[in-house]
Amino acid sequence: QVQLVESGGGLVQPGESLRLSCAASGSDFGFSNMGWYRQAPGKQRELVATISYGGDINSKESVKGRFTISRDNAKNTVYLQMNSLKVEDTAVYYCNAEGLIIAGLSLGGNYWGQGTQVTVSS
């Protein structure tokens, strides 16, 4: 069973930074896509940013220039560097991984972490 473990959330003031990390347990596998979604109170879950195995990035327009997504394929880890945080960035951030690949075989699947709280408040 694939397990995604997020870390790095917390409480910060506007303008400060956080770096989120999400690591998949185990080794000798990969994912076609990894990324981050978030859900604010009373809102639907939305995409923040995703990155493919080859490095293609898709991100929400409002975070471009402030957030940077990256991944380490050898470690099955995806990162989200969040700078210039705003109050409206407050949400639970969920790690997502799609398309499990083992030994060159595509097994599919969609996996979620438990979420990590990011609160931006003065």
PDB file of N, CA and C in Angstrom:
ATOM      1  N   GLN A   1       0.842  -1.185   0.000  1.00  0.00           N
ATOM      2  CA  GLN A   1       0.000   0.000   0.000  1.00  0.00           C
ATOM      3  C   GLN A   1       0.882   1.241   0.000  1.00  0.00           C
ATOM      4  N   VAL A   2       0.619   2.139  -0.934  1.00  0.00           N
ATOM      5  CA  VAL A   2       1.365   3.384  -1.017  1.00  0.00           C
ATOM      6  C   VAL A   2       0.876   4.336   0.057  1.00  0.00           C
ATOM      7  N   GLN A   3       1.820   4.955   0.731  1.00  0.00           N
ATOM      8  CA  GLN A   3       1.492   5.933   1.749  1.00  0.00           C
ATOM      9  C   GLN A   3       2.231   7.231   1.455  1.00  0.00           C
ATOM     10  N   LEU A   4       1.497   8.333   1.439  1.00  0.00           N
ATOM     11  CA  LEU A   4       2.073   9.649   1.234  1.00  0.00           C
ATOM     12  C   LEU A   4       2.063  10.400   2.553  1.00  0.00           C
ATOM     13  N   VAL A   5       3.202  10.943   2.927  1.00  0.00           N
ATOM     14  CA  VAL A   5       3.336  11.631   4.195  1.00  0.00           C
ATOM     15  C   VAL A   5       3.772  13.070   3.946  1.00  0.00           C
ATOM     16  N   GLU A   6       2.917  14.019   4.339  1.00  0.00           N
ATOM     17  CA  GLU A   6       3.211  15.433   4.168  1.00  0.00           C
ATOM     18  C   GLU A   6       3.848  16.009   5.429  1.00  0.00           C
ATOM     19  N   SER A   7       4.621  17.055   5.229  1.00  0.00           N
ATOM     20  CA  SER A   7       5.189  17.785   6.347  1.00  0.00           C
ATOM     21  C   SER A   7       5.453  19.220   5.917  1.00  0.00           C
ATOM     22  N   GLY A   8       5.632  20.099   6.886  1.00  0.00           N
ATOM     23  CA  GLY A   8       6.019  21.460   6.599  1.00  0.00           C
ATOM     24  C   GLY A   8       4.952  22.522   6.803  1.00  0.00           C
ATOM     25  N   GLY A   9       3.729  22.117   7.089  1.00  0.00           N
ATOM     26  CA  GLY A   9       2.683  23.091   7.332  1.00  0.00           C
ATOM     27  C   GLY A   9       2.890  23.806   8.655  1.00  0.00           C
ATOM     28  N   GLY A  10       2.118  24.864   8.848  1.00  0.00           N
ATOM     29  CA  GLY A  10       2.237  25.608  10.080  1.00  0.00           C
ATOM     30  C   GLY A  10       1.514  26.928  10.026  1.00  0.00           C
ATOM     31  N   LEU A  11       1.766  27.743  11.033  1.00  0.00           N
ATOM     32  CA  LEU A  11       1.169  29.062  11.156  1.00  0.00           C
ATOM     33  C   LEU A  11       2.223  30.119  10.879  1.00  0.00           C
ATOM     34  N   VAL A  12       1.949  30.982   9.915  1.00  0.00           N
ATOM     35  CA  VAL A  12       2.871  32.049   9.561  1.00  0.00           C
ATOM     36  C   VAL A  12       2.111  33.344   9.339  1.00  0.00           C
ATOM     37  N   GLN A  13       2.845  34.433   9.328  1.00  0.00           N
ATOM     38  CA  GLN A  13       2.262  35.736   9.034  1.00  0.00           C
ATOM     39  C   GLN A  13       2.321  36.024   7.542  1.00  0.00           C
ATOM     40  N   PRO A  14       1.456  36.902   7.052  1.00  0.00           N
ATOM     41  CA  PRO A  14       1.512  37.265   5.637  1.00  0.00           C
ATOM     42  C   PRO A  14       2.910  37.715   5.226  1.00  0.00           C
ATOM     43  N   GLY A  15       3.331  37.253   4.047  1.00  0.00           N
ATOM     44  CA  GLY A  15       4.643  37.596   3.534  1.00  0.00           C
ATOM     45  C   GLY A  15       5.734  36.600   3.866  1.00  0.00           C
ATOM     46  N   GLU A  16       5.465  35.722   4.796  1.00  0.00           N
ATOM     47  CA  GLU A  16       6.449  34.718   5.177  1.00  0.00           C
ATOM     48  C   GLU A  16       6.388  33.502   4.253  1.00  0.00           C
ATOM     49  N   SER A  17       7.253  32.533   4.514  1.00  0.00           N
ATOM     50  CA  SER A  17       7.396  31.384   3.630  1.00  0.00           C
ATOM     51  C   SER A  17       7.265  30.069   4.373  1.00  0.00           C
ATOM     52  N   LEU A  18       6.862  29.056   3.638  1.00  0.00           N
ATOM     53  CA  LEU A  18       6.832  27.685   4.115  1.00  0.00           C
ATOM     54  C   LEU A  18       7.257  26.774   2.974  1.00  0.00           C
ATOM     55  N   ARG A  19       7.814  25.629   3.323  1.00  0.00           N
ATOM     56  CA  ARG A  19       8.114  24.613   2.334  1.00  0.00           C
ATOM     57  C   ARG A  19       7.436  23.316   2.740  1.00  0.00           C
ATOM     58  N   LEU A  20       6.561  22.829   1.884  1.00  0.00           N
ATOM     59  CA  LEU A  20       5.886  21.567   2.114  1.00  0.00           C
ATOM     60  C   LEU A  20       6.640  20.433   1.434  1.00  0.00           C
ATOM     61  N   SER A  21       6.652  19.296   2.089  1.00  0.00           N
ATOM     62  CA  SER A  21       7.266  18.106   1.522  1.00  0.00           C
ATOM     63  C   SER A  21       6.274  16.956   1.577  1.00  0.00           C
ATOM     64  N   CYS A  22       6.336  16.097   0.600  1.00  0.00           N
ATOM     65  CA  CYS A  22       5.501  14.906   0.572  1.00  0.00           C
ATOM     66  C   CYS A  22       6.340  13.756   0.061  1.00  0.00           C
ATOM     67  N   ALA A  23       6.498  12.752   0.890  1.00  0.00           N
ATOM     68  CA  ALA A  23       7.306  11.598   0.533  1.00  0.00           C
ATOM     69  C   ALA A  23       6.460  10.336   0.490  1.00  0.00           C
ATOM     70  N   ALA A  24       6.637   9.560  -0.558  1.00  0.00           N
ATOM     71  CA  ALA A  24       5.977   8.267  -0.666  1.00  0.00           C
ATOM     72  C   ALA A  24       6.858   7.202  -0.041  1.00  0.00           C
ATOM     73  N   SER A  25       6.261   6.373   0.763  1.00  0.00           N
ATOM     74  CA  SER A  25       7.023   5.320   1.421  1.00  0.00           C
ATOM     75  C   SER A  25       7.468   4.268   0.418  1.00  0.00           C
ATOM     76  N   GLY A  26       8.569   3.614   0.730  1.00  0.00           N
ATOM     77  CA  GLY A  26       9.063   2.549  -0.116  1.00  0.00           C
ATOM     78  C   GLY A  26      10.058   3.021  -1.152  1.00  0.00           C
ATOM     79  N   SER A  27      10.412   2.122  -2.034  1.00  0.00           N
ATOM     80  CA  SER A  27      11.383   2.416  -3.081  1.00  0.00           C
ATOM     81  C   SER A  27      11.084   1.579  -4.314  1.00  0.00           C
ATOM     82  N   ASP A  28      11.870   1.823  -5.367  1.00  0.00           N
ATOM     83  CA  ASP A  28      11.750   1.064  -6.616  1.00  0.00           C
ATOM     84  C   ASP A  28      10.398   1.255  -7.297  1.00  0.00           C
ATOM     85  N   PHE A  29       9.884   2.441  -7.228  1.00  0.00           N
ATOM     86  CA  PHE A  29       8.672   2.795  -7.950  1.00  0.00           C
ATOM     87  C   PHE A  29       8.659   4.292  -8.191  1.00  0.00           C
ATOM     88  N   GLY A  30       7.710   4.739  -9.003  1.00  0.00           N
ATOM     89  CA  GLY A  30       7.565   6.155  -9.272  1.00  0.00           C
ATOM     90  C   GLY A  30       6.124   6.494  -9.594  1.00  0.00           C
ATOM     91  N   PHE A  31       5.865   7.771  -9.857  1.00  0.00           N
ATOM     92  CA  PHE A  31       4.528   8.241 -10.208  1.00  0.00           C
ATOM     93  C   PHE A  31       4.620   9.127 -11.432  1.00  0.00           C
ATOM     94  N   SER A  32       3.627   9.008 -12.298  1.00  0.00           N
ATOM     95  CA  SER A  32       3.616   9.839 -13.491  1.00  0.00           C
ATOM     96  C   SER A  32       3.411  11.312 -13.145  1.00  0.00           C
ATOM     97  N   ASN A  33       2.609  11.578 -12.129  1.00  0.00           N
ATOM     98  CA  ASN A  33       2.356  12.939 -11.679  1.00  0.00           C
ATOM     99  C   ASN A  33       2.311  13.002 -10.164  1.00  0.00           C
ATOM    100  N   MET A  34       2.836  14.066  -9.615  1.00  0.00           N
ATOM    101  CA  MET A  34       2.726  14.345  -8.195  1.00  0.00           C
ATOM    102  C   MET A  34       2.399  15.822  -8.047  1.00  0.00           C
ATOM    103  N   GLY A  35       1.715  16.152  -6.963  1.00  0.00           N
ATOM    104  CA  GLY A  35       1.391  17.552  -6.794  1.00  0.00           C
ATOM    105  C   GLY A  35       0.654  17.856  -5.514  1.00  0.00           C
ATOM    106  N   TRP A  36       0.125  19.070  -5.494  1.00  0.00           N
ATOM    107  CA  TRP A  36      -0.532  19.589  -4.309  1.00  0.00           C
ATOM    108  C   TRP A  36      -1.893  20.170  -4.644  1.00  0.00           C
ATOM    109  N   TYR A  37      -2.856  19.877  -3.787  1.00  0.00           N
ATOM    110  CA  TYR A  37      -4.178  20.462  -3.826  1.00  0.00           C
ATOM    111  C   TYR A  37      -4.442  21.097  -2.473  1.00  0.00           C
ATOM    112  N   ARG A  38      -5.416  21.982  -2.415  1.00  0.00           N
ATOM    113  CA  ARG A  38      -5.751  22.583  -1.139  1.00  0.00           C
ATOM    114  C   ARG A  38      -7.251  22.770  -1.018  1.00  0.00           C
ATOM    115  N   GLN A  39      -7.708  22.823   0.219  1.00  0.00           N
ATOM    116  CA  GLN A  39      -9.113  23.030   0.495  1.00  0.00           C
ATOM    117  C   GLN A  39      -9.261  23.992   1.664  1.00  0.00           C
ATOM    118  N   ALA A  40      -9.854  25.135   1.388  1.00  0.00           N
ATOM    119  CA  ALA A  40     -10.122  26.131   2.409  1.00  0.00           C
ATOM    120  C   ALA A  40     -11.503  25.882   2.993  1.00  0.00           C
ATOM    121  N   PRO A  41     -11.758  26.381   4.196  1.00  0.00           N
ATOM    122  CA  PRO A  41     -13.072  26.191   4.815  1.00  0.00           C
ATOM    123  C   PRO A  41     -14.198  26.691   3.918  1.00  0.00           C
ATOM    124  N   GLY A  42     -15.202  25.846   3.708  1.00  0.00           N
ATOM    125  CA  GLY A  42     -16.341  26.214   2.898  1.00  0.00           C
ATOM    126  C   GLY A  42     -16.095  26.207   1.406  1.00  0.00           C
ATOM    127  N   LYS A  43     -14.926  25.770   0.980  1.00  0.00           N
ATOM    128  CA  LYS A  43     -14.572  25.760  -0.436  1.00  0.00           C
ATOM    129  C   LYS A  43     -14.293  24.339  -0.920  1.00  0.00           C
ATOM    130  N   GLN A  44     -14.362  24.163  -2.232  1.00  0.00           N
ATOM    131  CA  GLN A  44     -14.014  22.883  -2.825  1.00  0.00           C
ATOM    132  C   GLN A  44     -12.504  22.741  -2.922  1.00  0.00           C
ATOM    133  N   ARG A  45     -12.058  21.503  -2.946  1.00  0.00           N
ATOM    134  CA  ARG A  45     -10.637  21.259  -3.118  1.00  0.00           C
ATOM    135  C   ARG A  45     -10.203  21.714  -4.511  1.00  0.00           C
ATOM    136  N   GLU A  46      -9.064  22.376  -4.580  1.00  0.00           N
ATOM    137  CA  GLU A  46      -8.582  22.902  -5.840  1.00  0.00           C
ATOM    138  C   GLU A  46      -7.118  22.555  -6.057  1.00  0.00           C
ATOM    139  N   LEU A  47      -6.754  22.499  -7.310  1.00  0.00           N
ATOM    140  CA  LEU A  47      -5.367  22.252  -7.670  1.00  0.00           C
ATOM    141  C   LEU A  47      -4.511  23.457  -7.329  1.00  0.00           C
ATOM    142  N   VAL A  48      -3.346  23.192  -6.762  1.00  0.00           N
ATOM    143  CA  VAL A  48      -2.352  24.232  -6.545  1.00  0.00           C
ATOM    144  C   VAL A  48      -1.270  24.116  -7.607  1.00  0.00           C
ATOM    145  N   ALA A  49      -0.646  22.955  -7.676  1.00  0.00           N
ATOM    146  CA  ALA A  49       0.383  22.716  -8.680  1.00  0.00           C
ATOM    147  C   ALA A  49       0.655  21.230  -8.789  1.00  0.00           C
ATOM    148  N   THR A  50       0.971  20.791  -9.985  1.00  0.00           N
ATOM    149  CA  THR A  50       1.396  19.415 -10.209  1.00  0.00           C
ATOM    150  C   THR A  50       2.646  19.417 -11.068  1.00  0.00           C
ATOM    151  N   ILE A  51       3.381  18.325 -10.984  1.00  0.00           N
ATOM    152  CA  ILE A  51       4.594  18.183 -11.777  1.00  0.00           C
ATOM    153  C   ILE A  51       4.703  16.742 -12.241  1.00  0.00           C
ATOM    154  N   SER A  52       4.965  16.559 -13.520  1.00  0.00           N
ATOM    155  CA  SER A  52       5.082  15.224 -14.081  1.00  0.00           C
ATOM    156  C   SER A  52       6.447  14.629 -13.788  1.00  0.00           C
ATOM    157  N   TYR A  53       6.593  13.359 -14.097  1.00  0.00           N
ATOM    158  CA  TYR A  53       7.868  12.686 -13.898  1.00  0.00           C
ATOM    159  C   TYR A  53       8.974  13.388 -14.687  1.00  0.00           C
ATOM    160  N   GLY A  54       8.617  13.897 -15.849  1.00  0.00           N
ATOM    161  CA  GLY A  54       9.582  14.578 -16.697  1.00  0.00           C
ATOM    162  C   GLY A  54       9.768  16.047 -16.403  1.00  0.00           C
ATOM    163  N   GLY A  55       9.018  16.584 -15.437  1.00  0.00           N
ATOM    164  CA  GLY A  55       9.206  17.959 -15.023  1.00  0.00           C
ATOM    165  C   GLY A  55       8.225  18.970 -15.583  1.00  0.00           C
ATOM    166  N   ASP A  56       7.192  18.521 -16.282  1.00  0.00           N
ATOM    167  CA  ASP A  56       6.174  19.443 -16.775  1.00  0.00           C
ATOM    168  C   ASP A  56       5.298  19.913 -15.627  1.00  0.00           C
ATOM    169  N   ILE A  57       5.088  21.218 -15.525  1.00  0.00           N
ATOM    170  CA  ILE A  57       4.401  21.811 -14.394  1.00  0.00           C
ATOM    171  C   ILE A  57       3.081  22.440 -14.808  1.00  0.00           C
ATOM    172  N   ASN A  58       2.079  22.215 -13.995  1.00  0.00           N
ATOM    173  CA  ASN A  58       0.789  22.865 -14.127  1.00  0.00           C
ATOM    174  C   ASN A  58       0.459  23.488 -12.776  1.00  0.00           C
ATOM    175  N   SER A  59       0.085  24.754 -12.755  1.00  0.00           N
ATOM    176  CA  SER A  59      -0.158  25.421 -11.481  1.00  0.00           C
ATOM    177  C   SER A  59      -1.287  26.426 -11.573  1.00  0.00           C
ATOM    178  N   LYS A  60      -1.855  26.724 -10.424  1.00  0.00           N
ATOM    179  CA  LYS A  60      -2.909  27.713 -10.315  1.00  0.00           C
ATOM    180  C   LYS A  60      -2.337  29.096 -10.594  1.00  0.00           C
ATOM    181  N   GLU A  61      -3.061  29.880 -11.346  1.00  0.00           N
ATOM    182  CA  GLU A  61      -2.566  31.178 -11.776  1.00  0.00           C
ATOM    183  C   GLU A  61      -2.204  32.082 -10.604  1.00  0.00           C
ATOM    184  N   SER A  62      -2.983  32.048  -9.548  1.00  0.00           N
ATOM    185  CA  SER A  62      -2.776  32.957  -8.433  1.00  0.00           C
ATOM    186  C   SER A  62      -1.521  32.659  -7.614  1.00  0.00           C
ATOM    187  N   VAL A  63      -0.912  31.497  -7.817  1.00  0.00           N
ATOM    188  CA  VAL A  63       0.294  31.173  -7.055  1.00  0.00           C
ATOM    189  C   VAL A  63       1.559  31.291  -7.887  1.00  0.00           C
ATOM    190  N   LYS A  64       1.416  31.510  -9.171  1.00  0.00           N
ATOM    191  CA  LYS A  64       2.587  31.641 -10.030  1.00  0.00           C
ATOM    192  C   LYS A  64       3.409  32.851  -9.616  1.00  0.00           C
ATOM    193  N   GLY A  65       4.715  32.646  -9.535  1.00  0.00           N
ATOM    194  CA  GLY A  65       5.600  33.701  -9.077  1.00  0.00           C
ATOM    195  C   GLY A  65       5.824  33.689  -7.584  1.00  0.00           C
ATOM    196  N   ARG A  66       4.997  32.952  -6.856  1.00  0.00           N
ATOM    197  CA  ARG A  66       5.147  32.839  -5.411  1.00  0.00           C
ATOM    198  C   ARG A  66       5.461  31.419  -4.965  1.00  0.00           C
ATOM    199  N   PHE A  67       4.807  30.447  -5.598  1.00  0.00           N
ATOM    200  CA  PHE A  67       4.998  29.040  -5.236  1.00  0.00           C
ATOM    201  C   PHE A  67       5.826  28.345  -6.304  1.00  0.00           C
ATOM    202  N   THR A  68       6.683  27.439  -5.862  1.00  0.00           N
ATOM    203  CA  THR A  68       7.490  26.650  -6.778  1.00  0.00           C
ATOM    204  C   THR A  68       7.370  25.180  -6.417  1.00  0.00           C
ATOM    205  N   ILE A  69       6.970  24.373  -7.386  1.00  0.00           N
ATOM    206  CA  ILE A  69       6.864  22.943  -7.165  1.00  0.00           C
ATOM    207  C   ILE A  69       8.078  22.250  -7.774  1.00  0.00           C
ATOM    208  N   SER A  70       8.547  21.220  -7.104  1.00  0.00           N
ATOM    209  CA  SER A  70       9.669  20.443  -7.599  1.00  0.00           C
ATOM    210  C   SER A  70       9.540  19.019  -7.090  1.00  0.00           C
ATOM    211  N   ARG A  71      10.313  18.116  -7.659  1.00  0.00           N
ATOM    212  CA  ARG A  71      10.265  16.738  -7.199  1.00  0.00           C
ATOM    213  C   ARG A  71      11.619  16.078  -7.344  1.00  0.00           C
ATOM    214  N   ASP A  72      11.836  15.099  -6.505  1.00  0.00           N
ATOM    215  CA  ASP A  72      13.028  14.273  -6.543  1.00  0.00           C
ATOM    216  C   ASP A  72      12.550  12.861  -6.855  1.00  0.00           C
ATOM    217  N   ASN A  73      12.720  12.446  -8.091  1.00  0.00           N
ATOM    218  CA  ASN A  73      12.199  11.144  -8.504  1.00  0.00           C
ATOM    219  C   ASN A  73      12.868   9.988  -7.772  1.00  0.00           C
ATOM    220  N   ALA A  74      14.144  10.131  -7.473  1.00  0.00           N
ATOM    221  CA  ALA A  74      14.857   9.070  -6.775  1.00  0.00           C
ATOM    222  C   ALA A  74      14.306   8.837  -5.380  1.00  0.00           C
ATOM    223  N   LYS A  75      13.770   9.898  -4.772  1.00  0.00           N
ATOM    224  CA  LYS A  75      13.230   9.803  -3.423  1.00  0.00           C
ATOM    225  C   LYS A  75      11.703   9.743  -3.387  1.00  0.00           C
ATOM    226  N   ASN A  76      11.077   9.788  -4.559  1.00  0.00           N
ATOM    227  CA  ASN A  76       9.612   9.826  -4.638  1.00  0.00           C
ATOM    228  C   ASN A  76       9.038  10.905  -3.726  1.00  0.00           C
ATOM    229  N   THR A  77       9.622  12.067  -3.835  1.00  0.00           N
ATOM    230  CA  THR A  77       9.244  13.187  -2.987  1.00  0.00           C
ATOM    231  C   THR A  77       8.915  14.407  -3.838  1.00  0.00           C
ATOM    232  N   VAL A  78       7.854  15.100  -3.459  1.00  0.00           N
ATOM    233  CA  VAL A  78       7.473  16.334  -4.126  1.00  0.00           C
ATOM    234  C   VAL A  78       7.479  17.461  -3.098  1.00  0.00           C
ATOM    235  N   TYR A  79       7.901  18.644  -3.536  1.00  0.00           N
ATOM    236  CA  TYR A  79       8.023  19.788  -2.660  1.00  0.00           C
ATOM    237  C   TYR A  79       7.180  20.949  -3.175  1.00  0.00           C
ATOM    238  N   LEU A  80       6.781  21.792  -2.261  1.00  0.00           N
ATOM    239  CA  LEU A  80       6.116  23.033  -2.631  1.00  0.00           C
ATOM    240  C   LEU A  80       6.711  24.153  -1.795  1.00  0.00           C
ATOM    241  N   GLN A  81       7.519  24.975  -2.432  1.00  0.00           N
ATOM    242  CA  GLN A  81       8.081  26.144  -1.779  1.00  0.00           C
ATOM    243  C   GLN A  81       7.094  27.288  -1.918  1.00  0.00           C
ATOM    244  N   MET A  82       6.613  27.788  -0.806  1.00  0.00           N
ATOM    245  CA  MET A  82       5.598  28.827  -0.803  1.00  0.00           C
ATOM    246  C   MET A  82       6.189  30.101  -0.218  1.00  0.00           C
ATOM    247  N   ASN A  83       6.332  31.108  -1.057  1.00  0.00           N
ATOM    248  CA  ASN A  83       6.843  32.404  -0.635  1.00  0.00           C
ATOM    249  C   ASN A  83       5.742  33.449  -0.704  1.00  0.00           C
ATOM    250  N   SER A  84       5.964  34.548  -0.022  1.00  0.00           N
ATOM    251  CA  SER A  84       5.008  35.659  -0.034  1.00  0.00           C
ATOM    252  C   SER A  84       3.592  35.189   0.252  1.00  0.00           C
ATOM    253  N   LEU A  85       3.449  34.400   1.283  1.00  0.00           N
ATOM    254  CA  LEU A  85       2.148  33.829   1.604  1.00  0.00           C
ATOM    255  C   LEU A  85       1.125  34.908   1.942  1.00  0.00           C
ATOM    256  N   LYS A  86      -0.097  34.645   1.532  1.00  0.00           N
ATOM    257  CA  LYS A  86      -1.213  35.547   1.754  1.00  0.00           C
ATOM    258  C   LYS A  86      -2.264  34.863   2.620  1.00  0.00           C
ATOM    259  N   VAL A  87      -3.111  35.660   3.233  1.00  0.00           N
ATOM    260  CA  VAL A  87      -4.176  35.121   4.068  1.00  0.00           C
ATOM    261  C   VAL A  87      -5.032  34.139   3.271  1.00  0.00           C
ATOM    262  N   GLU A  88      -5.289  34.443   2.013  1.00  0.00           N
ATOM    263  CA  GLU A  88      -6.121  33.589   1.189  1.00  0.00           C
ATOM    264  C   GLU A  88      -5.480  32.258   0.822  1.00  0.00           C
ATOM    265  N   ASP A  89      -4.210  32.074   1.163  1.00  0.00           N
ATOM    266  CA  ASP A  89      -3.559  30.785   0.969  1.00  0.00           C
ATOM    267  C   ASP A  89      -3.887  29.800   2.087  1.00  0.00           C
ATOM    268  N   THR A  90      -4.542  30.275   3.122  1.00  0.00           N
ATOM    269  CA  THR A  90      -4.896  29.420   4.247  1.00  0.00           C
ATOM    270  C   THR A  90      -5.790  28.271   3.790  1.00  0.00           C
ATOM    271  N   ALA A  91      -5.369  27.057   4.090  1.00  0.00           N
ATOM    272  CA  ALA A  91      -6.109  25.869   3.674  1.00  0.00           C
ATOM    273  C   ALA A  91      -5.404  24.634   4.208  1.00  0.00           C
ATOM    274  N   VAL A  92      -6.082  23.506   4.071  1.00  0.00           N
ATOM    275  CA  VAL A  92      -5.417  22.229   4.254  1.00  0.00           C
ATOM    276  C   VAL A  92      -4.825  21.837   2.908  1.00  0.00           C
ATOM    277  N   TYR A  93      -3.548  21.552   2.892  1.00  0.00           N
ATOM    278  CA  TYR A  93      -2.859  21.196   1.665  1.00  0.00           C
ATOM    279  C   TYR A  93      -2.665  19.685   1.608  1.00  0.00           C
ATOM    280  N   TYR A  94      -3.104  19.099   0.495  1.00  0.00           N
ATOM    281  CA  TYR A  94      -3.055  17.657   0.320  1.00  0.00           C
ATOM    282  C   TYR A  94      -2.083  17.278  -0.782  1.00  0.00           C
ATOM    283  N   CYS A  95      -1.248  16.326  -0.485  1.00  0.00           N
ATOM    284  CA  CYS A  95      -0.355  15.761  -1.485  1.00  0.00           C
ATOM    285  C   CYS A  95      -1.106  14.737  -2.320  1.00  0.00           C
ATOM    286  N   ASN A  96      -0.818  14.705  -3.601  1.00  0.00           N
ATOM    287  CA  ASN A  96      -1.454  13.755  -4.507  1.00  0.00           C
ATOM    288  C   ASN A  96      -0.411  13.116  -5.411  1.00  0.00           C
ATOM    289  N   ALA A  97      -0.596  11.839  -5.671  1.00  0.00           N
ATOM    290  CA  ALA A  97       0.260  11.128  -6.609  1.00  0.00           C
ATOM    291  C   ALA A  97      -0.606  10.258  -7.502  1.00  0.00           C
ATOM    292  N   GLU A  98      -0.324  10.285  -8.796  1.00  0.00           N
ATOM    293  CA  GLU A  98      -1.091   9.532  -9.777  1.00  0.00           C
ATOM    294  C   GLU A  98      -0.167   8.685 -10.633  1.00  0.00           C
ATOM    295  N   GLY A  99      -0.689   7.566 -11.081  1.00  0.00           N
ATOM    296  CA  GLY A  99       0.025   6.746 -12.042  1.00  0.00           C
ATOM    297  C   GLY A  99       1.224   6.027 -11.475  1.00  0.00           C
ATOM    298  N   LEU A 100       0.979   5.057 -10.617  1.00  0.00           N
ATOM    299  CA  LEU A 100       2.066   4.274 -10.043  1.00  0.00           C
ATOM    300  C   LEU A 100       2.780   3.485 -11.138  1.00  0.00           C
ATOM    301  N   ILE A 101       4.095   3.543 -11.122  1.00  0.00           N
ATOM    302  CA  ILE A 101       4.923   2.827 -12.088  1.00  0.00           C
ATOM    303  C   ILE A 101       5.921   1.962 -11.335  1.00  0.00           C
ATOM    304  N   ILE A 102       5.900   0.685 -11.621  1.00  0.00           N
ATOM    305  CA  ILE A 102       6.825  -0.258 -11.008  1.00  0.00           C
ATOM    306  C   ILE A 102       7.472  -1.087 -12.103  1.00  0.00           C
ATOM    307  N   ALA A 103       8.792  -1.115 -12.104  1.00  0.00           N
ATOM    308  CA  ALA A 103       9.546  -1.897 -13.075  1.00  0.00           C
ATOM    309  C   ALA A 103       9.114  -1.595 -14.506  1.00  0.00           C
ATOM    310  N   GLY A 104       8.829  -0.332 -14.775  1.00  0.00           N
ATOM    311  CA  GLY A 104       8.445   0.088 -16.105  1.00  0.00           C
ATOM    312  C   GLY A 104       7.006  -0.186 -16.475  1.00  0.00           C
ATOM    313  N   LEU A 105       6.239  -0.753 -15.566  1.00  0.00           N
ATOM    314  CA  LEU A 105       4.837  -1.065 -15.820  1.00  0.00           C
ATOM    315  C   LEU A 105       3.933  -0.037 -15.170  1.00  0.00           C
ATOM    316  N   SER A 106       2.971   0.463 -15.931  1.00  0.00           N
ATOM    317  CA  SER A 106       2.030   1.445 -15.425  1.00  0.00           C
ATOM    318  C   SER A 106       0.855   0.743 -14.757  1.00  0.00           C
ATOM    319  N   LEU A 107       0.706   0.980 -13.466  1.00  0.00           N
ATOM    320  CA  LEU A 107      -0.351   0.333 -12.704  1.00  0.00           C
ATOM    321  C   LEU A 107      -1.519   1.257 -12.390  1.00  0.00           C
ATOM    322  N   GLY A 108      -1.392   2.518 -12.715  1.00  0.00           N
ATOM    323  CA  GLY A 108      -2.437   3.469 -12.440  1.00  0.00           C
ATOM    324  C   GLY A 108      -2.526   3.815 -10.974  1.00  0.00           C
ATOM    325  N   GLY A 109      -3.702   4.262 -10.568  1.00  0.00           N
ATOM    326  CA  GLY A 109      -3.931   4.584  -9.179  1.00  0.00           C
ATOM    327  C   GLY A 109      -3.867   6.072  -8.895  1.00  0.00           C
ATOM    328  N   ASN A 110      -4.535   6.452  -7.838  1.00  0.00           N
ATOM    329  CA  ASN A 110      -4.589   7.832  -7.392  1.00  0.00           C
ATOM    330  C   ASN A 110      -4.495   7.823  -5.874  1.00  0.00           C
ATOM    331  N   TYR A 111      -3.503   8.522  -5.344  1.00  0.00           N
ATOM    332  CA  TYR A 111      -3.207   8.439  -3.923  1.00  0.00           C
ATOM    333  C   TYR A 111      -3.197   9.818  -3.291  1.00  0.00           C
ATOM    334  N   TRP A 112      -3.633   9.874  -2.041  1.00  0.00           N
ATOM    335  CA  TRP A 112      -3.718  11.129  -1.305  1.00  0.00           C
ATOM    336  C   TRP A 112      -3.046  11.018   0.053  1.00  0.00           C
ATOM    337  N   GLY A 113      -2.416  12.104   0.461  1.00  0.00           N
ATOM    338  CA  GLY A 113      -1.912  12.201   1.815  1.00  0.00           C
ATOM    339  C   GLY A 113      -3.009  12.636   2.762  1.00  0.00           C
ATOM    340  N   GLN A 114      -2.685  12.711   4.034  1.00  0.00           N
ATOM    341  CA  GLN A 114      -3.661  13.081   5.053  1.00  0.00           C
ATOM    342  C   GLN A 114      -3.923  14.582   5.113  1.00  0.00           C
ATOM    343  N   GLY A 115      -3.040  15.359   4.551  1.00  0.00           N
ATOM    344  CA  GLY A 115      -3.187  16.799   4.559  1.00  0.00           C
ATOM    345  C   GLY A 115      -2.373  17.456   5.650  1.00  0.00           C
ATOM    346  N   THR A 116      -1.929  18.665   5.370  1.00  0.00           N
ATOM    347  CA  THR A 116      -1.206  19.456   6.355  1.00  0.00           C
ATOM    348  C   THR A 116      -1.771  20.873   6.351  1.00  0.00           C
ATOM    349  N   GLN A 117      -2.001  21.401   7.529  1.00  0.00           N
ATOM    350  CA  GLN A 117      -2.638  22.704   7.664  1.00  0.00           C
ATOM    351  C   GLN A 117      -1.644  23.833   7.444  1.00  0.00           C
ATOM    352  N   VAL A 118      -2.021  24.754   6.576  1.00  0.00           N
ATOM    353  CA  VAL A 118      -1.269  25.988   6.380  1.00  0.00           C
ATOM    354  C   VAL A 118      -2.178  27.144   6.768  1.00  0.00           C
ATOM    355  N   THR A 119      -1.764  27.903   7.751  1.00  0.00           N
ATOM    356  CA  THR A 119      -2.545  29.038   8.208  1.00  0.00           C
ATOM    357  C   THR A 119      -1.709  30.300   8.100  1.00  0.00           C
ATOM    358  N   VAL A 120      -2.233  31.274   7.379  1.00  0.00           N
ATOM    359  CA  VAL A 120      -1.560  32.554   7.200  1.00  0.00           C
ATOM    360  C   VAL A 120      -2.419  33.614   7.876  1.00  0.00           C
ATOM    361  N   SER A 121      -1.910  34.178   8.933  1.00  0.00           N
ATOM    362  CA  SER A 121      -2.688  35.114   9.722  1.00  0.00           C
ATOM    363  C   SER A 121      -1.778  36.114  10.413  1.00  0.00           C
ATOM    364  N   SER A 122      -2.259  37.334  10.537  1.00  0.00           N
ATOM    365  CA  SER A 122      -1.532  38.367  11.255  1.00  0.00           C
ATOM    366  C   SER A 122      -1.967  38.445  12.705  1.00  0.00           C
TER     367      SER A 122
END
